[in-house]
N, C-alpha and C. Protein backbone atom coordinates (compact mmCIF):
# COMPACT_ATOMS: atom_id res chain seq x y z
N MET A 1 1.11 -1.29 -0.24
CA MET A 1 0.28 0.11 0.05
C MET A 1 0.97 1.74 0.04
N GLU A 2 1.95 1.44 0.79
CA GLU A 2 2.51 2.25 0.64
C GLU A 2 3.64 2.40 -0.73
N ASN A 3 3.98 1.66 -1.27
CA ASN A 3 5.06 1.64 -2.41
C ASN A 3 3.43 2.13 -3.47
N LEU A 4 1.92 2.02 -3.13
CA LEU A 4 1.41 2.73 -4.18
C LEU A 4 0.74 4.53 -4.12
N ARG A 5 0.84 4.30 -2.72
CA ARG A 5 1.23 6.49 -2.30
C ARG A 5 2.46 6.85 -2.82
N TRP A 6 3.02 6.54 -3.15
CA TRP A 6 4.34 6.77 -3.71
C TRP A 6 4.49 7.04 -4.94
N LEU A 7 3.44 5.95 -5.92
CA LEU A 7 3.61 5.61 -7.31
C LEU A 7 2.50 7.20 -7.56
N ALA A 8 1.78 7.40 -6.97
CA ALA A 8 0.82 8.35 -6.90
C ALA A 8 1.21 9.57 -6.74
N MET A 9 2.17 9.67 -5.42
CA MET A 9 2.94 11.44 -5.36
C MET A 9 3.68 11.37 -6.72
N GLU A 10 4.37 10.04 -7.23
CA GLU A 10 5.33 10.33 -8.19
C GLU A 10 4.63 11.03 -9.92
N ASP A 11 3.62 10.20 -9.70
CA ASP A 11 2.53 10.74 -10.95
C ASP A 11 1.84 12.32 -10.53
N SER A 12 1.71 12.76 -9.93
CA SER A 12 1.13 13.81 -9.38
C SER A 12 2.17 14.79 -9.70
N ASP A 13 3.75 14.63 -9.16
CA ASP A 13 4.65 15.62 -9.47
C ASP A 13 5.16 15.76 -10.80
N THR A 14 4.27 14.60 -12.00
CA THR A 14 4.84 14.96 -13.03
C THR A 14 4.02 15.74 -13.90
N ALA A 15 2.90 15.73 -13.49
CA ALA A 15 1.86 16.21 -14.16
C ALA A 15 1.98 17.66 -13.77
N GLN A 16 2.26 18.34 -12.71
CA GLN A 16 2.89 19.51 -12.44
C GLN A 16 3.93 20.05 -13.15
N GLN A 17 4.39 19.36 -13.84
CA GLN A 17 5.56 20.13 -14.74
C GLN A 17 5.22 20.95 -16.11
N PRO A 18 5.42 22.24 -16.27
CA PRO A 18 5.16 22.33 -17.18
C PRO A 18 5.74 22.34 -19.06
N ASP A 19 5.13 21.66 -19.76
CA ASP A 19 5.47 21.71 -20.84
C ASP A 19 6.56 22.46 -21.27
N PRO A 20 7.51 21.51 -22.00
CA PRO A 20 8.73 22.66 -22.99
C PRO A 20 7.97 23.56 -23.57
N PRO A 21 9.06 24.61 -23.53
CA PRO A 21 8.71 25.28 -25.14
C PRO A 21 8.64 25.04 -26.39
N ALA A 22 7.63 25.42 -26.89
CA ALA A 22 7.49 25.44 -28.59
C ALA A 22 8.73 25.25 -29.21
N ARG A 23 9.18 24.48 -30.38
CA ARG A 23 10.23 25.49 -30.80
C ARG A 23 9.79 26.31 -31.64
N ARG A 24 11.01 27.00 -32.03
CA ARG A 24 10.65 28.95 -32.56
C ARG A 24 11.51 28.91 -33.59
N LEU A 25 12.24 27.68 -33.90
CA LEU A 25 13.28 27.43 -35.41
C LEU A 25 13.25 25.94 -35.26
N VAL A 26 13.21 25.57 -37.09
CA VAL A 26 13.03 24.54 -37.68
C VAL A 26 13.74 24.14 -38.53
N THR A 27 14.51 22.73 -38.60
CA THR A 27 15.68 22.46 -39.60
C THR A 27 14.72 22.66 -40.97
N ILE A 28 15.79 22.66 -42.12
CA ILE A 28 15.26 22.62 -43.41
C ILE A 28 14.91 21.36 -43.56
N ASP A 29 14.82 20.50 -43.24
CA ASP A 29 14.07 18.99 -43.08
C ASP A 29 12.95 18.97 -42.08
N VAL A 30 12.83 19.82 -41.02
CA VAL A 30 11.44 19.42 -40.60
C VAL A 30 10.78 20.00 -41.37
N ALA A 31 11.55 21.64 -41.55
CA ALA A 31 10.16 22.53 -42.53
C ALA A 31 9.81 21.94 -43.80
N ALA A 32 10.39 21.18 -44.50
CA ALA A 32 9.69 20.43 -45.46
C ALA A 32 8.84 19.08 -45.09
N SER A 33 9.24 18.54 -43.72
CA SER A 33 8.00 17.62 -43.97
C SER A 33 6.36 18.25 -43.71
N LEU A 34 6.53 19.53 -42.39
CA LEU A 34 5.91 20.62 -42.18
C LEU A 34 4.96 20.92 -43.12
N LEU A 35 5.67 21.14 -44.10
CA LEU A 35 4.48 21.44 -45.40
C LEU A 35 4.40 20.46 -45.94
N SER A 36 5.09 19.24 -46.40
CA SER A 36 4.43 18.05 -47.54
C SER A 36 5.36 18.19 -48.06
N MET A 37 6.24 18.74 -48.44
CA MET A 37 7.41 18.83 -49.49
C MET A 37 8.78 18.51 -49.59
N GLY A 38 9.52 18.33 -50.49
CA GLY A 38 10.72 18.20 -50.40
C GLY A 38 11.50 18.98 -50.25
N ARG A 39 12.88 18.20 -49.49
CA ARG A 39 13.60 19.27 -49.12
C ARG A 39 14.31 20.31 -50.69
N SER A 40 14.60 19.40 -51.67
CA SER A 40 14.93 20.59 -52.59
C SER A 40 14.15 21.64 -52.89
N LYS A 41 12.82 21.72 -53.02
CA LYS A 41 11.75 22.81 -53.21
C LYS A 41 11.78 23.81 -51.92
N THR A 42 12.24 22.56 -50.66
CA THR A 42 11.85 23.75 -49.72
C THR A 42 13.47 24.78 -49.78
N CYS A 43 14.42 24.16 -49.86
CA CYS A 43 15.82 25.14 -50.60
C CYS A 43 15.08 26.24 -51.47
N GLU A 44 14.86 25.76 -52.48
CA GLU A 44 14.14 26.94 -53.72
C GLU A 44 13.63 28.27 -52.72
N LEU A 45 12.78 27.90 -51.97
CA LEU A 45 11.93 28.34 -51.75
C LEU A 45 12.12 29.63 -50.56
N ILE A 46 13.45 28.93 -50.57
CA ILE A 46 14.71 29.91 -49.34
C ILE A 46 15.42 30.78 -50.51
N ALA A 47 16.16 30.06 -50.99
CA ALA A 47 16.64 30.77 -52.30
C ALA A 47 16.17 32.01 -53.07
N SER A 48 14.71 31.65 -52.98
CA SER A 48 13.91 32.69 -54.01
C SER A 48 13.08 33.69 -52.90
N ARG A 49 13.74 33.86 -51.72
CA ARG A 49 13.41 34.69 -50.89
C ARG A 49 11.44 33.93 -50.37
N ASP A 50 11.27 32.80 -50.80
CA ASP A 50 9.54 32.91 -50.61
C ASP A 50 9.47 32.12 -49.21
N LEU A 51 10.42 31.84 -48.61
CA LEU A 51 10.20 30.90 -47.57
C LEU A 51 11.47 32.20 -46.26
N GLU A 52 11.06 32.56 -45.04
CA GLU A 52 12.04 33.21 -44.55
C GLU A 52 13.22 32.12 -43.63
N SER A 53 14.73 32.50 -43.65
CA SER A 53 15.38 31.71 -42.63
C SER A 53 15.74 32.32 -42.24
N VAL A 54 17.19 31.78 -41.38
CA VAL A 54 17.84 32.47 -40.39
C VAL A 54 19.14 31.43 -40.71
N LYS A 55 20.19 32.12 -40.37
CA LYS A 55 21.58 31.65 -40.52
C LYS A 55 22.04 31.90 -39.37
N ILE A 56 22.12 30.50 -38.38
CA ILE A 56 22.94 30.45 -37.07
C ILE A 56 24.30 29.93 -37.18
N GLY A 57 25.57 30.70 -37.37
CA GLY A 57 26.86 29.68 -37.44
C GLY A 57 26.59 29.18 -39.28
N ARG A 58 26.70 28.05 -39.51
CA ARG A 58 26.92 27.39 -40.78
C ARG A 58 25.61 26.92 -41.14
N SER A 59 24.69 26.98 -39.58
CA SER A 59 23.66 26.55 -40.01
C SER A 59 21.79 27.35 -40.46
N ARG A 60 21.30 26.75 -41.32
CA ARG A 60 20.26 27.47 -41.53
C ARG A 60 18.75 26.85 -40.72
N ARG A 61 18.08 27.85 -40.33
CA ARG A 61 16.59 27.57 -39.79
C ARG A 61 15.87 28.35 -40.24
N ILE A 62 14.33 27.80 -40.02
CA ILE A 62 13.89 28.52 -40.53
C ILE A 62 12.40 28.65 -39.41
N PRO A 63 12.11 30.00 -39.10
CA PRO A 63 11.05 30.33 -38.03
C PRO A 63 9.96 29.23 -38.27
N VAL A 64 8.93 29.39 -37.21
CA VAL A 64 8.03 28.40 -37.22
C VAL A 64 7.01 29.07 -37.64
N ASP A 65 6.80 30.67 -36.96
CA ASP A 65 6.36 31.87 -38.15
C ASP A 65 5.96 31.78 -39.42
N ALA A 66 7.59 31.71 -39.98
CA ALA A 66 7.40 31.49 -41.28
C ALA A 66 6.91 30.65 -42.16
N LEU A 67 6.60 29.52 -41.90
CA LEU A 67 5.98 28.40 -42.18
C LEU A 67 4.61 28.93 -42.47
N ASP A 68 3.99 29.42 -41.23
CA ASP A 68 2.49 29.62 -41.07
C ASP A 68 2.45 31.35 -41.89
N GLN A 69 3.05 31.98 -42.09
CA GLN A 69 3.28 32.92 -43.16
C GLN A 69 3.00 32.74 -44.71
N PHE A 70 3.97 31.98 -45.15
CA PHE A 70 4.03 31.19 -46.31
C PHE A 70 2.89 30.46 -46.62
N VAL A 71 2.13 29.55 -45.68
CA VAL A 71 0.74 29.04 -46.09
C VAL A 71 -0.38 30.09 -46.12
N ALA A 72 -0.20 31.14 -45.49
CA ALA A 72 -1.71 31.90 -45.55
C ALA A 72 -1.45 32.94 -47.03
N ARG A 73 0.26 32.76 -47.43
CA ARG A 73 0.28 33.75 -48.80
C ARG A 73 -0.40 32.76 -49.08
N LEU A 74 0.36 31.47 -49.62
CA LEU A 74 -0.51 30.53 -50.47
C LEU A 74 -1.83 30.62 -50.97
N ARG A 75 -2.71 30.66 -49.51
CA ARG A 75 -4.32 30.27 -49.18
C ARG A 75 -4.84 31.75 -49.88
N ASP A 76 -4.33 32.59 -49.53
CA ASP A 76 -4.39 34.08 -50.20
C ASP A 76 -4.62 34.00 -51.84
N GLU A 77 -2.95 33.72 -51.97
CA GLU A 77 -2.85 33.35 -54.07
C GLU A 77 -4.18 32.94 -54.22
N ALA A 78 -4.81 31.67 -53.78
CA ALA A 78 -5.41 30.33 -54.43
C ALA A 78 -7.05 30.83 -54.28
N ALA A 79 -6.93 32.17 -53.20
CA ALA A 79 -8.51 32.43 -52.89
C ALA A 79 -8.91 33.99 -54.30
N ARG A 80 -7.64 34.21 -54.69
CA ARG A 80 -7.34 35.17 -55.44
C ARG A 80 -7.67 35.06 -56.92
N SER A 81 -7.73 33.44 -57.05
CA SER A 81 -7.81 32.94 -58.34
C SER A 81 -8.76 32.31 -58.93
């Protein structure tokens, strides 16, 4: 019985821990996956500046809000046509 109380207390402690913060920057591979397209097409969009990216050292990252903005632009263009 004592073990069950200890397990219940352990579960309640982990339930109170806050969720880790959401990612703000993702890799090109993750961005491609989120957009349901290939890595090459994602790189083309970055090169043409249709998709915002930032450079951190030698790494390239895409802000998550840039993905949202890109999708919103695509939806606006589709609504106009």
